[in-house]
Amino acid sequence: MNRAEFLNFFAELIEAEPDTLTGAESFRELSGWSSLVAIEFIAMADEQLDFVVSPTRLAESRTIDDLIAMLGDHISD
């Protein structure tokens, strides 16, 4: 998955329009963010990227870019 695909996937999760996220957004402040979305994000990382999200790292993340950084090499430019 590349960065643009991730941003559009995340937009879909929070029910935002595609191509509207930059990554700099504080995801917890977005109207569509919820604990259910957090679970869906964790499931996607596991199923599609074979990456286990650390609850601590998720709690420490502030922006969508932080989530991308956490996923590391699983997200290409």
N, C-alpha and C. Protein backbone atom coordinates (compact mmCIF):
# COMPACT_ATOMS: atom_id res chain seq x y z
N MET A 1 0.86 -1.17 0.00
CA MET A 1 0.00 0.00 0.00
C MET A 1 0.90 1.23 0.00
N ASN A 2 0.57 2.20 -0.82
CA ASN A 2 1.36 3.43 -0.81
C ASN A 2 0.66 4.50 0.04
N ARG A 3 1.32 5.62 0.21
CA ARG A 3 0.81 6.69 1.08
C ARG A 3 -0.56 7.19 0.63
N ALA A 4 -0.73 7.45 -0.67
CA ALA A 4 -2.01 7.95 -1.18
C ALA A 4 -3.13 6.92 -0.94
N GLU A 5 -2.83 5.66 -1.15
CA GLU A 5 -3.83 4.62 -0.91
C GLU A 5 -4.20 4.56 0.57
N PHE A 6 -3.18 4.71 1.44
CA PHE A 6 -3.46 4.70 2.87
C PHE A 6 -4.34 5.88 3.27
N LEU A 7 -4.01 7.07 2.76
CA LEU A 7 -4.80 8.25 3.10
C LEU A 7 -6.24 8.09 2.64
N ASN A 8 -6.45 7.52 1.46
CA ASN A 8 -7.81 7.29 0.98
C ASN A 8 -8.51 6.19 1.78
N PHE A 9 -7.77 5.16 2.18
CA PHE A 9 -8.33 4.13 3.04
C PHE A 9 -8.77 4.76 4.37
N PHE A 10 -7.90 5.60 4.94
CA PHE A 10 -8.22 6.23 6.21
C PHE A 10 -9.43 7.16 6.07
N ALA A 11 -9.49 7.87 4.95
CA ALA A 11 -10.65 8.73 4.69
C ALA A 11 -11.93 7.91 4.65
N GLU A 12 -11.86 6.74 4.03
CA GLU A 12 -13.04 5.87 3.98
C GLU A 12 -13.42 5.41 5.38
N LEU A 13 -12.43 5.07 6.21
CA LEU A 13 -12.70 4.65 7.58
C LEU A 13 -13.47 5.70 8.36
N ILE A 14 -13.08 6.95 8.19
CA ILE A 14 -13.72 8.02 8.99
C ILE A 14 -14.85 8.70 8.22
N GLU A 15 -15.21 8.10 7.09
CA GLU A 15 -16.31 8.60 6.25
C GLU A 15 -16.07 10.02 5.76
N ALA A 16 -14.83 10.28 5.33
CA ALA A 16 -14.48 11.56 4.72
C ALA A 16 -14.38 11.36 3.21
N GLU A 17 -14.38 12.44 2.49
CA GLU A 17 -14.24 12.38 1.04
C GLU A 17 -12.83 11.90 0.67
N PRO A 18 -12.71 11.09 -0.39
CA PRO A 18 -11.38 10.67 -0.84
C PRO A 18 -10.53 11.89 -1.24
N ASP A 19 -9.25 11.73 -1.13
CA ASP A 19 -8.29 12.77 -1.54
C ASP A 19 -8.42 14.07 -0.75
N THR A 20 -8.95 14.00 0.47
CA THR A 20 -9.08 15.22 1.28
C THR A 20 -8.10 15.26 2.44
N LEU A 21 -7.45 14.15 2.76
CA LEU A 21 -6.52 14.11 3.89
C LEU A 21 -5.09 14.33 3.41
N THR A 22 -4.31 15.03 4.24
CA THR A 22 -2.91 15.29 3.89
C THR A 22 -1.95 14.46 4.73
N GLY A 23 -2.42 14.00 5.86
CA GLY A 23 -1.57 13.27 6.80
C GLY A 23 -1.23 14.10 8.02
N ALA A 24 -1.31 15.41 7.90
CA ALA A 24 -0.97 16.30 9.01
C ALA A 24 -2.11 16.42 10.03
N GLU A 25 -3.26 15.90 9.68
CA GLU A 25 -4.43 16.03 10.56
C GLU A 25 -4.24 15.24 11.86
N SER A 26 -4.73 15.82 12.94
CA SER A 26 -4.82 15.09 14.21
C SER A 26 -6.04 14.18 14.10
N PHE A 27 -5.80 12.89 13.94
CA PHE A 27 -6.91 11.99 13.61
C PHE A 27 -7.97 11.92 14.70
N ARG A 28 -7.58 12.12 15.94
CA ARG A 28 -8.58 12.06 17.02
C ARG A 28 -9.56 13.24 16.98
N GLU A 29 -9.17 14.31 16.31
CA GLU A 29 -10.03 15.48 16.20
C GLU A 29 -10.95 15.42 14.98
N LEU A 30 -10.76 14.43 14.13
CA LEU A 30 -11.62 14.29 12.95
C LEU A 30 -12.97 13.74 13.37
N SER A 31 -14.01 14.26 12.77
CA SER A 31 -15.37 13.91 13.22
C SER A 31 -15.69 12.43 13.10
N GLY A 32 -15.05 11.73 12.19
CA GLY A 32 -15.37 10.31 12.01
C GLY A 32 -14.57 9.37 12.88
N TRP A 33 -13.61 9.89 13.66
CA TRP A 33 -12.77 9.01 14.49
C TRP A 33 -13.56 8.50 15.68
N SER A 34 -13.41 7.21 15.96
CA SER A 34 -14.07 6.59 17.12
C SER A 34 -13.28 5.35 17.52
N SER A 35 -13.66 4.76 18.61
CA SER A 35 -12.99 3.52 19.04
C SER A 35 -13.23 2.40 18.02
N LEU A 36 -14.37 2.40 17.36
CA LEU A 36 -14.64 1.41 16.32
C LEU A 36 -13.69 1.59 15.15
N VAL A 37 -13.42 2.83 14.76
CA VAL A 37 -12.47 3.11 13.67
C VAL A 37 -11.08 2.65 14.09
N ALA A 38 -10.72 2.84 15.34
CA ALA A 38 -9.42 2.38 15.82
C ALA A 38 -9.30 0.86 15.64
N ILE A 39 -10.34 0.14 15.97
CA ILE A 39 -10.35 -1.32 15.81
C ILE A 39 -10.25 -1.69 14.34
N GLU A 40 -10.97 -0.97 13.49
CA GLU A 40 -10.90 -1.24 12.05
C GLU A 40 -9.50 -0.96 11.51
N PHE A 41 -8.85 0.09 11.99
CA PHE A 41 -7.47 0.40 11.59
C PHE A 41 -6.53 -0.73 12.00
N ILE A 42 -6.66 -1.19 13.23
CA ILE A 42 -5.82 -2.29 13.73
C ILE A 42 -6.03 -3.54 12.90
N ALA A 43 -7.29 -3.84 12.59
CA ALA A 43 -7.60 -5.03 11.78
C ALA A 43 -7.01 -4.91 10.38
N MET A 44 -7.12 -3.73 9.76
CA MET A 44 -6.56 -3.53 8.42
C MET A 44 -5.05 -3.73 8.44
N ALA A 45 -4.38 -3.16 9.43
CA ALA A 45 -2.93 -3.30 9.52
C ALA A 45 -2.53 -4.77 9.61
N ASP A 46 -3.28 -5.52 10.38
CA ASP A 46 -2.99 -6.94 10.55
C ASP A 46 -3.30 -7.73 9.28
N GLU A 47 -4.49 -7.54 8.72
CA GLU A 47 -4.93 -8.34 7.58
C GLU A 47 -4.26 -7.96 6.27
N GLN A 48 -4.14 -6.67 5.99
CA GLN A 48 -3.63 -6.24 4.70
C GLN A 48 -2.12 -6.00 4.69
N LEU A 49 -1.56 -5.62 5.83
CA LEU A 49 -0.14 -5.27 5.86
C LEU A 49 0.70 -6.25 6.68
N ASP A 50 0.05 -7.22 7.32
CA ASP A 50 0.73 -8.19 8.18
C ASP A 50 1.56 -7.46 9.24
N PHE A 51 0.94 -6.46 9.86
CA PHE A 51 1.59 -5.62 10.86
C PHE A 51 0.72 -5.61 12.11
N VAL A 52 1.32 -5.88 13.25
CA VAL A 52 0.59 -5.86 14.51
C VAL A 52 0.77 -4.48 15.15
N VAL A 53 -0.33 -3.77 15.29
CA VAL A 53 -0.30 -2.42 15.88
C VAL A 53 -0.19 -2.53 17.39
N SER A 54 0.79 -1.85 17.93
CA SER A 54 0.95 -1.78 19.37
C SER A 54 -0.06 -0.78 19.93
N PRO A 55 -0.87 -1.20 20.90
CA PRO A 55 -1.82 -0.24 21.49
C PRO A 55 -1.12 0.99 22.08
N THR A 56 0.07 0.80 22.62
CA THR A 56 0.83 1.93 23.18
C THR A 56 1.22 2.90 22.08
N ARG A 57 1.73 2.37 20.95
CA ARG A 57 2.12 3.24 19.83
C ARG A 57 0.91 3.96 19.26
N LEU A 58 -0.23 3.27 19.18
CA LEU A 58 -1.44 3.91 18.69
C LEU A 58 -1.85 5.04 19.63
N ALA A 59 -1.78 4.79 20.92
CA ALA A 59 -2.15 5.81 21.90
C ALA A 59 -1.21 7.01 21.85
N GLU A 60 0.06 6.78 21.52
CA GLU A 60 1.04 7.86 21.44
C GLU A 60 0.94 8.65 20.14
N SER A 61 0.33 8.07 19.12
CA SER A 61 0.23 8.73 17.82
C SER A 61 -0.76 9.88 17.90
N ARG A 62 -0.44 10.95 17.19
CA ARG A 62 -1.29 12.13 17.19
C ARG A 62 -1.88 12.42 15.81
N THR A 63 -1.06 12.25 14.79
CA THR A 63 -1.50 12.60 13.44
C THR A 63 -1.56 11.36 12.56
N ILE A 64 -2.18 11.52 11.41
CA ILE A 64 -2.22 10.43 10.45
C ILE A 64 -0.80 10.11 10.00
N ASP A 65 0.04 11.12 9.86
CA ASP A 65 1.45 10.87 9.53
C ASP A 65 2.13 10.01 10.59
N ASP A 66 1.76 10.18 11.85
CA ASP A 66 2.30 9.33 12.92
C ASP A 66 1.91 7.87 12.68
N LEU A 67 0.68 7.65 12.24
CA LEU A 67 0.23 6.28 11.95
C LEU A 67 1.02 5.70 10.79
N ILE A 68 1.24 6.52 9.77
CA ILE A 68 2.02 6.08 8.61
C ILE A 68 3.44 5.73 9.05
N ALA A 69 4.03 6.57 9.89
CA ALA A 69 5.39 6.30 10.39
C ALA A 69 5.42 5.00 11.20
N MET A 70 4.38 4.77 11.99
CA MET A 70 4.31 3.54 12.78
C MET A 70 4.30 2.32 11.86
N LEU A 71 3.61 2.41 10.74
CA LEU A 71 3.52 1.29 9.81
C LEU A 71 4.81 1.09 9.03
N GLY A 72 5.67 2.10 9.04
CA GLY A 72 7.02 1.99 8.47
C GLY A 72 7.05 1.53 7.03
N ASP A 73 7.85 0.50 6.78
CA ASP A 73 8.09 -0.01 5.43
C ASP A 73 6.84 -0.62 4.80
N HIS A 74 5.79 -0.77 5.55
CA HIS A 74 4.56 -1.36 5.00
C HIS A 74 3.80 -0.33 4.14
N ILE A 75 4.18 0.95 4.26
CA ILE A 75 3.59 2.01 3.45
C ILE A 75 4.71 2.60 2.61
N SER A 76 4.54 2.55 1.31
CA SER A 76 5.55 3.10 0.41
C SER A 76 5.18 4.52 0.05
N ASP A 77 6.17 5.26 -0.45
CA ASP A 77 5.91 6.63 -0.88
C ASP A 77 5.15 6.58 -2.16
